Amino acid sequence: MADEQLLTVREVSERLGLRESTLRKWVLERRIAYHKIGRAVRVPTEAVTRLIRESYREPVEHGENG
């Protein structure tokens, strides 16, 4: 954990292509792991990686008639 990189909400929103307000809402709802350091919110890179991994969906294959 000592080597863990922490990202700002802005950095996470840029990496994921989401609005900062969406990330801040997820922090308030505890939908993404974060550290609260004083008033600053920092998101571990592992939390971003986990979010991406858990949100992955396999494509659905359609038959010839679909």
PDB file of N, CA and C in Angstrom:
ATOM      1  N   MET A   1       0.822  -1.195   0.000  1.00  0.00           N
ATOM      2  CA  MET A   1       0.000   0.000   0.000  1.00  0.00           C
ATOM      3  C   MET A   1       0.864   1.256   0.000  1.00  0.00           C
ATOM      4  N   ALA A   2       2.082   1.176   0.494  1.00  0.00           N
ATOM      5  CA  ALA A   2       2.957   2.338   0.539  1.00  0.00           C
ATOM      6  C   ALA A   2       3.290   2.833  -0.866  1.00  0.00           C
ATOM      7  N   ASP A   3       3.352   1.938  -1.842  1.00  0.00           N
ATOM      8  CA  ASP A   3       3.676   2.311  -3.210  1.00  0.00           C
ATOM      9  C   ASP A   3       2.435   2.602  -4.051  1.00  0.00           C
ATOM     10  N   GLU A   4       1.282   2.563  -3.435  1.00  0.00           N
ATOM     11  CA  GLU A   4       0.033   2.744  -4.150  1.00  0.00           C
ATOM     12  C   GLU A   4      -0.089   4.175  -4.683  1.00  0.00           C
ATOM     13  N   GLN A   5      -0.403   4.280  -5.970  1.00  0.00           N
ATOM     14  CA  GLN A   5      -0.578   5.605  -6.572  1.00  0.00           C
ATOM     15  C   GLN A   5      -2.002   6.071  -6.340  1.00  0.00           C
ATOM     16  N   LEU A   6      -2.140   7.308  -5.934  1.00  0.00           N
ATOM     17  CA  LEU A   6      -3.448   7.902  -5.689  1.00  0.00           C
ATOM     18  C   LEU A   6      -3.720   8.962  -6.743  1.00  0.00           C
ATOM     19  N   LEU A   7      -4.941   8.957  -7.258  1.00  0.00           N
ATOM     20  CA  LEU A   7      -5.348   9.879  -8.308  1.00  0.00           C
ATOM     21  C   LEU A   7      -6.394  10.853  -7.783  1.00  0.00           C
ATOM     22  N   THR A   8      -6.409  12.036  -8.360  1.00  0.00           N
ATOM     23  CA  THR A   8      -7.464  12.995  -8.024  1.00  0.00           C
ATOM     24  C   THR A   8      -8.740  12.583  -8.759  1.00  0.00           C
ATOM     25  N   VAL A   9      -9.845  13.159  -8.347  1.00  0.00           N
ATOM     26  CA  VAL A   9     -11.117  12.905  -9.028  1.00  0.00           C
ATOM     27  C   VAL A   9     -11.012  13.347 -10.483  1.00  0.00           C
ATOM     28  N   ARG A  10     -10.345  14.451 -10.738  1.00  0.00           N
ATOM     29  CA  ARG A  10     -10.169  14.943 -12.108  1.00  0.00           C
ATOM     30  C   ARG A  10      -9.382  13.934 -12.949  1.00  0.00           C
ATOM     31  N   GLU A  11      -8.304  13.394 -12.396  1.00  0.00           N
ATOM     32  CA  GLU A  11      -7.490  12.421 -13.129  1.00  0.00           C
ATOM     33  C   GLU A  11      -8.295  11.167 -13.457  1.00  0.00           C
ATOM     34  N   VAL A  12      -9.089  10.702 -12.497  1.00  0.00           N
ATOM     35  CA  VAL A  12      -9.914   9.510 -12.731  1.00  0.00           C
ATOM     36  C   VAL A  12     -10.965   9.798 -13.793  1.00  0.00           C
ATOM     37  N   SER A  13     -11.603  10.964 -13.721  1.00  0.00           N
ATOM     38  CA  SER A  13     -12.636  11.302 -14.702  1.00  0.00           C
ATOM     39  C   SER A  13     -12.049  11.384 -16.105  1.00  0.00           C
ATOM     40  N   GLU A  14     -10.838  11.914 -16.223  1.00  0.00           N
ATOM     41  CA  GLU A  14     -10.183  11.990 -17.534  1.00  0.00           C
ATOM     42  C   GLU A  14      -9.842  10.600 -18.060  1.00  0.00           C
ATOM     43  N   ARG A  15      -9.350   9.730 -17.192  1.00  0.00           N
ATOM     44  CA  ARG A  15      -8.991   8.369 -17.609  1.00  0.00           C
ATOM     45  C   ARG A  15     -10.201   7.572 -18.058  1.00  0.00           C
ATOM     46  N   LEU A  16     -11.330   7.779 -17.377  1.00  0.00           N
ATOM     47  CA  LEU A  16     -12.527   6.998 -17.682  1.00  0.00           C
ATOM     48  C   LEU A  16     -13.462   7.696 -18.663  1.00  0.00           C
ATOM     49  N   GLY A  17     -13.211   8.947 -18.956  1.00  0.00           N
ATOM     50  CA  GLY A  17     -14.085   9.688 -19.863  1.00  0.00           C
ATOM     51  C   GLY A  17     -15.432   9.991 -19.233  1.00  0.00           C
ATOM     52  N   LEU A  18     -15.430  10.227 -17.935  1.00  0.00           N
ATOM     53  CA  LEU A  18     -16.655  10.544 -17.196  1.00  0.00           C
ATOM     54  C   LEU A  18     -16.543  11.945 -16.609  1.00  0.00           C
ATOM     55  N   ARG A  19     -17.672  12.516 -16.260  1.00  0.00           N
ATOM     56  CA  ARG A  19     -17.678  13.832 -15.620  1.00  0.00           C
ATOM     57  C   ARG A  19     -17.176  13.700 -14.184  1.00  0.00           C
ATOM     58  N   GLU A  20     -16.532  14.762 -13.715  1.00  0.00           N
ATOM     59  CA  GLU A  20     -16.084  14.782 -12.325  1.00  0.00           C
ATOM     60  C   GLU A  20     -17.267  14.617 -11.381  1.00  0.00           C
ATOM     61  N   SER A  21     -18.409  15.203 -11.734  1.00  0.00           N
ATOM     62  CA  SER A  21     -19.583  15.110 -10.869  1.00  0.00           C
ATOM     63  C   SER A  21     -20.039  13.664 -10.704  1.00  0.00           C
ATOM     64  N   THR A  22     -19.874  12.856 -11.752  1.00  0.00           N
ATOM     65  CA  THR A  22     -20.233  11.443 -11.662  1.00  0.00           C
ATOM     66  C   THR A  22     -19.333  10.738 -10.659  1.00  0.00           C
ATOM     67  N   LEU A  23     -18.025  11.004 -10.745  1.00  0.00           N
ATOM     68  CA  LEU A  23     -17.085  10.386  -9.815  1.00  0.00           C
ATOM     69  C   LEU A  23     -17.352  10.843  -8.384  1.00  0.00           C
ATOM     70  N   ARG A  24     -17.639  12.119  -8.211  1.00  0.00           N
ATOM     71  CA  ARG A  24     -17.922  12.628  -6.858  1.00  0.00           C
ATOM     72  C   ARG A  24     -19.184  11.983  -6.288  1.00  0.00           C
ATOM     73  N   LYS A  25     -20.179  11.759  -7.139  1.00  0.00           N
ATOM     74  CA  LYS A  25     -21.399  11.070  -6.706  1.00  0.00           C
ATOM     75  C   LYS A  25     -21.057   9.641  -6.281  1.00  0.00           C
ATOM     76  N   TRP A  26     -20.216   8.950  -7.089  1.00  0.00           N
ATOM     77  CA  TRP A  26     -19.821   7.582  -6.753  1.00  0.00           C
ATOM     78  C   TRP A  26     -19.064   7.541  -5.428  1.00  0.00           C
ATOM     79  N   VAL A  27     -18.262   8.568  -5.154  1.00  0.00           N
ATOM     80  CA  VAL A  27     -17.554   8.640  -3.874  1.00  0.00           C
ATOM     81  C   VAL A  27     -18.569   8.772  -2.741  1.00  0.00           C
ATOM     82  N   LEU A  28     -19.527   9.676  -2.891  1.00  0.00           N
ATOM     83  CA  LEU A  28     -20.551   9.862  -1.859  1.00  0.00           C
ATOM     84  C   LEU A  28     -21.370   8.597  -1.629  1.00  0.00           C
ATOM     85  N   GLU A  29     -21.636   7.863  -2.701  1.00  0.00           N
ATOM     86  CA  GLU A  29     -22.412   6.620  -2.607  1.00  0.00           C
ATOM     87  C   GLU A  29     -21.528   5.415  -2.266  1.00  0.00           C
ATOM     88  N   ARG A  30     -20.234   5.659  -2.149  1.00  0.00           N
ATOM     89  CA  ARG A  30     -19.231   4.619  -1.865  1.00  0.00           C
ATOM     90  C   ARG A  30     -19.251   3.508  -2.910  1.00  0.00           C
ATOM     91  N   ARG A  31     -19.424   3.913  -4.168  1.00  0.00           N
ATOM     92  CA  ARG A  31     -19.408   2.965  -5.291  1.00  0.00           C
ATOM     93  C   ARG A  31     -17.996   2.741  -5.808  1.00  0.00           C
ATOM     94  N   ILE A  32     -17.047   3.577  -5.356  1.00  0.00           N
ATOM     95  CA  ILE A  32     -15.645   3.431  -5.721  1.00  0.00           C
ATOM     96  C   ILE A  32     -14.818   3.687  -4.456  1.00  0.00           C
ATOM     97  N   ALA A  33     -13.760   2.902  -4.290  1.00  0.00           N
ATOM     98  CA  ALA A  33     -12.895   3.055  -3.121  1.00  0.00           C
ATOM     99  C   ALA A  33     -12.129   4.375  -3.216  1.00  0.00           C
ATOM    100  N   TYR A  34     -11.904   5.001  -2.070  1.00  0.00           N
ATOM    101  CA  TYR A  34     -11.172   6.263  -2.051  1.00  0.00           C
ATOM    102  C   TYR A  34     -10.526   6.481  -0.690  1.00  0.00           C
ATOM    103  N   HIS A  35      -9.600   7.420  -0.658  1.00  0.00           N
ATOM    104  CA  HIS A  35      -8.977   7.876   0.583  1.00  0.00           C
ATOM    105  C   HIS A  35      -9.410   9.312   0.795  1.00  0.00           C
ATOM    106  N   LYS A  36      -9.717   9.661   2.008  1.00  0.00           N
ATOM    107  CA  LYS A  36     -10.057  11.031   2.357  1.00  0.00           C
ATOM    108  C   LYS A  36      -8.892  11.562   3.186  1.00  0.00           C
ATOM    109  N   ILE A  37      -8.157  12.518   2.629  1.00  0.00           N
ATOM    110  CA  ILE A  37      -7.000  13.090   3.297  1.00  0.00           C
ATOM    111  C   ILE A  37      -7.311  14.563   3.526  1.00  0.00           C
ATOM    112  N   GLY A  38      -7.724  14.876   4.721  1.00  0.00           N
ATOM    113  CA  GLY A  38      -8.225  16.225   4.983  1.00  0.00           C
ATOM    114  C   GLY A  38      -9.495  16.414   4.173  1.00  0.00           C
ATOM    115  N   ARG A  39      -9.517  17.441   3.326  1.00  0.00           N
ATOM    116  CA  ARG A  39     -10.671  17.661   2.451  1.00  0.00           C
ATOM    117  C   ARG A  39     -10.483  17.031   1.080  1.00  0.00           C
ATOM    118  N   ALA A  40      -9.272  16.526   0.836  1.00  0.00           N
ATOM    119  CA  ALA A  40      -8.956  15.967  -0.476  1.00  0.00           C
ATOM    120  C   ALA A  40      -9.427  14.523  -0.594  1.00  0.00           C
ATOM    121  N   VAL A  41      -9.958  14.195  -1.756  1.00  0.00           N
ATOM    122  CA  VAL A  41     -10.372  12.826  -2.072  1.00  0.00           C
ATOM    123  C   VAL A  41      -9.378  12.281  -3.089  1.00  0.00           C
ATOM    124  N   ARG A  42      -8.829  11.108  -2.799  1.00  0.00           N
ATOM    125  CA  ARG A  42      -7.890  10.460  -3.715  1.00  0.00           C
ATOM    126  C   ARG A  42      -8.339   9.028  -3.950  1.00  0.00           C
ATOM    127  N   VAL A  43      -8.271   8.611  -5.201  1.00  0.00           N
ATOM    128  CA  VAL A  43      -8.725   7.284  -5.604  1.00  0.00           C
ATOM    129  C   VAL A  43      -7.503   6.443  -5.963  1.00  0.00           C
ATOM    130  N   PRO A  44      -7.362   5.268  -5.352  1.00  0.00           N
ATOM    131  CA  PRO A  44      -6.239   4.401  -5.700  1.00  0.00           C
ATOM    132  C   PRO A  44      -6.364   3.892  -7.136  1.00  0.00           C
ATOM    133  N   THR A  45      -5.239   3.769  -7.828  1.00  0.00           N
ATOM    134  CA  THR A  45      -5.270   3.266  -9.198  1.00  0.00           C
ATOM    135  C   THR A  45      -5.889   1.870  -9.238  1.00  0.00           C
ATOM    136  N   GLU A  46      -5.686   1.069  -8.201  1.00  0.00           N
ATOM    137  CA  GLU A  46      -6.261  -0.277  -8.154  1.00  0.00           C
ATOM    138  C   GLU A  46      -7.791  -0.215  -8.154  1.00  0.00           C
ATOM    139  N   ALA A  47      -8.377   0.802  -7.532  1.00  0.00           N
ATOM    140  CA  ALA A  47      -9.836   0.946  -7.525  1.00  0.00           C
ATOM    141  C   ALA A  47     -10.346   1.233  -8.933  1.00  0.00           C
ATOM    142  N   VAL A  48      -9.586   2.021  -9.692  1.00  0.00           N
ATOM    143  CA  VAL A  48      -9.967   2.320 -11.074  1.00  0.00           C
ATOM    144  C   VAL A  48      -9.860   1.052 -11.914  1.00  0.00           C
ATOM    145  N   THR A  49      -8.766   0.322 -11.749  1.00  0.00           N
ATOM    146  CA  THR A  49      -8.568  -0.938 -12.476  1.00  0.00           C
ATOM    147  C   THR A  49      -9.677  -1.927 -12.150  1.00  0.00           C
ATOM    148  N   ARG A  50     -10.036  -2.032 -10.881  1.00  0.00           N
ATOM    149  CA  ARG A  50     -11.097  -2.955 -10.450  1.00  0.00           C
ATOM    150  C   ARG A  50     -12.439  -2.544 -11.051  1.00  0.00           C
ATOM    151  N   LEU A  51     -12.727  -1.246 -11.069  1.00  0.00           N
ATOM    152  CA  LEU A  51     -13.971  -0.749 -11.648  1.00  0.00           C
ATOM    153  C   LEU A  51     -14.059  -1.118 -13.125  1.00  0.00           C
ATOM    154  N   ILE A  52     -12.978  -0.930 -13.850  1.00  0.00           N
ATOM    155  CA  ILE A  52     -12.952  -1.270 -15.273  1.00  0.00           C
ATOM    156  C   ILE A  52     -13.155  -2.772 -15.457  1.00  0.00           C
ATOM    157  N   ARG A  53     -12.434  -3.563 -14.674  1.00  0.00           N
ATOM    158  CA  ARG A  53     -12.517  -5.023 -14.787  1.00  0.00           C
ATOM    159  C   ARG A  53     -13.930  -5.530 -14.460  1.00  0.00           C
ATOM    160  N   GLU A  54     -14.540  -5.011 -13.410  1.00  0.00           N
ATOM    161  CA  GLU A  54     -15.861  -5.487 -12.987  1.00  0.00           C
ATOM    162  C   GLU A  54     -16.992  -4.997 -13.885  1.00  0.00           C
ATOM    163  N   SER A  55     -16.754  -3.943 -14.638  1.00  0.00           N
ATOM    164  CA  SER A  55     -17.820  -3.425 -15.500  1.00  0.00           C
ATOM    165  C   SER A  55     -17.767  -4.018 -16.911  1.00  0.00           C
ATOM    166  N   TYR A  56     -16.780  -4.870 -17.177  1.00  0.00           N
ATOM    167  CA  TYR A  56     -16.629  -5.467 -18.502  1.00  0.00           C
ATOM    168  C   TYR A  56     -17.780  -6.431 -18.783  1.00  0.00           C
ATOM    169  N   ARG A  57     -18.335  -6.338 -19.967  1.00  0.00           N
ATOM    170  CA  ARG A  57     -19.401  -7.238 -20.404  1.00  0.00           C
ATOM    171  C   ARG A  57     -18.984  -7.859 -21.726  1.00  0.00           C
ATOM    172  N   GLU A  58     -19.170  -9.161 -21.849  1.00  0.00           N
ATOM    173  CA  GLU A  58     -18.870  -9.878 -23.091  1.00  0.00           C
ATOM    174  C   GLU A  58     -19.914  -9.518 -24.145  1.00  0.00           C
ATOM    175  N   PRO A  59     -19.503  -9.440 -25.409  1.00  0.00           N
ATOM    176  CA  PRO A  59     -20.493  -9.176 -26.451  1.00  0.00           C
ATOM    177  C   PRO A  59     -21.419 -10.385 -26.637  1.00  0.00           C
ATOM    178  N   VAL A  60     -22.615 -10.103 -27.064  1.00  0.00           N
ATOM    179  CA  VAL A  60     -23.604 -11.152 -27.313  1.00  0.00           C
ATOM    180  C   VAL A  60     -23.537 -11.506 -28.786  1.00  0.00           C
ATOM    181  N   GLU A  61     -23.419 -12.787 -29.069  1.00  0.00           N
ATOM    182  CA  GLU A  61     -23.376 -13.218 -30.469  1.00  0.00           C
ATOM    183  C   GLU A  61     -24.798 -13.485 -30.939  1.00  0.00           C
ATOM    184  N   HIS A  62     -25.101 -12.957 -32.114  1.00  0.00           N
ATOM    185  CA  HIS A  62     -26.428 -13.125 -32.697  1.00  0.00           C
ATOM    186  C   HIS A  62     -26.351 -14.156 -33.822  1.00  0.00           C
ATOM    187  N   GLY A  63     -27.396 -14.914 -33.966  1.00  0.00           N
ATOM    188  CA  GLY A  63     -27.457 -15.905 -35.050  1.00  0.00           C
ATOM    189  C   GLY A  63     -27.687 -15.226 -36.391  1.00  0.00           C
ATOM    190  N   GLU A  64     -27.801 -16.019 -37.422  1.00  0.00           N
ATOM    191  CA  GLU A  64     -28.008 -15.477 -38.765  1.00  0.00           C
ATOM    192  C   GLU A  64     -29.297 -14.671 -38.884  1.00  0.00           C
ATOM    193  N   ASN A  65     -30.329 -15.034 -38.135  1.00  0.00           N
ATOM    194  CA  ASN A  65     -31.619 -14.347 -38.223  1.00  0.00           C
ATOM    195  C   ASN A  65     -31.696 -13.150 -37.283  1.00  0.00           C
ATOM    196  N   GLY A  66     -30.662 -12.910 -36.496  1.00  0.00           N
ATOM    197  CA  GLY A  66     -30.744 -11.866 -35.496  1.00  0.00           C
ATOM    198  C   GLY A  66     -30.148 -10.627 -35.909  1.00  0.00           C
TER     199      GLY A  66
END
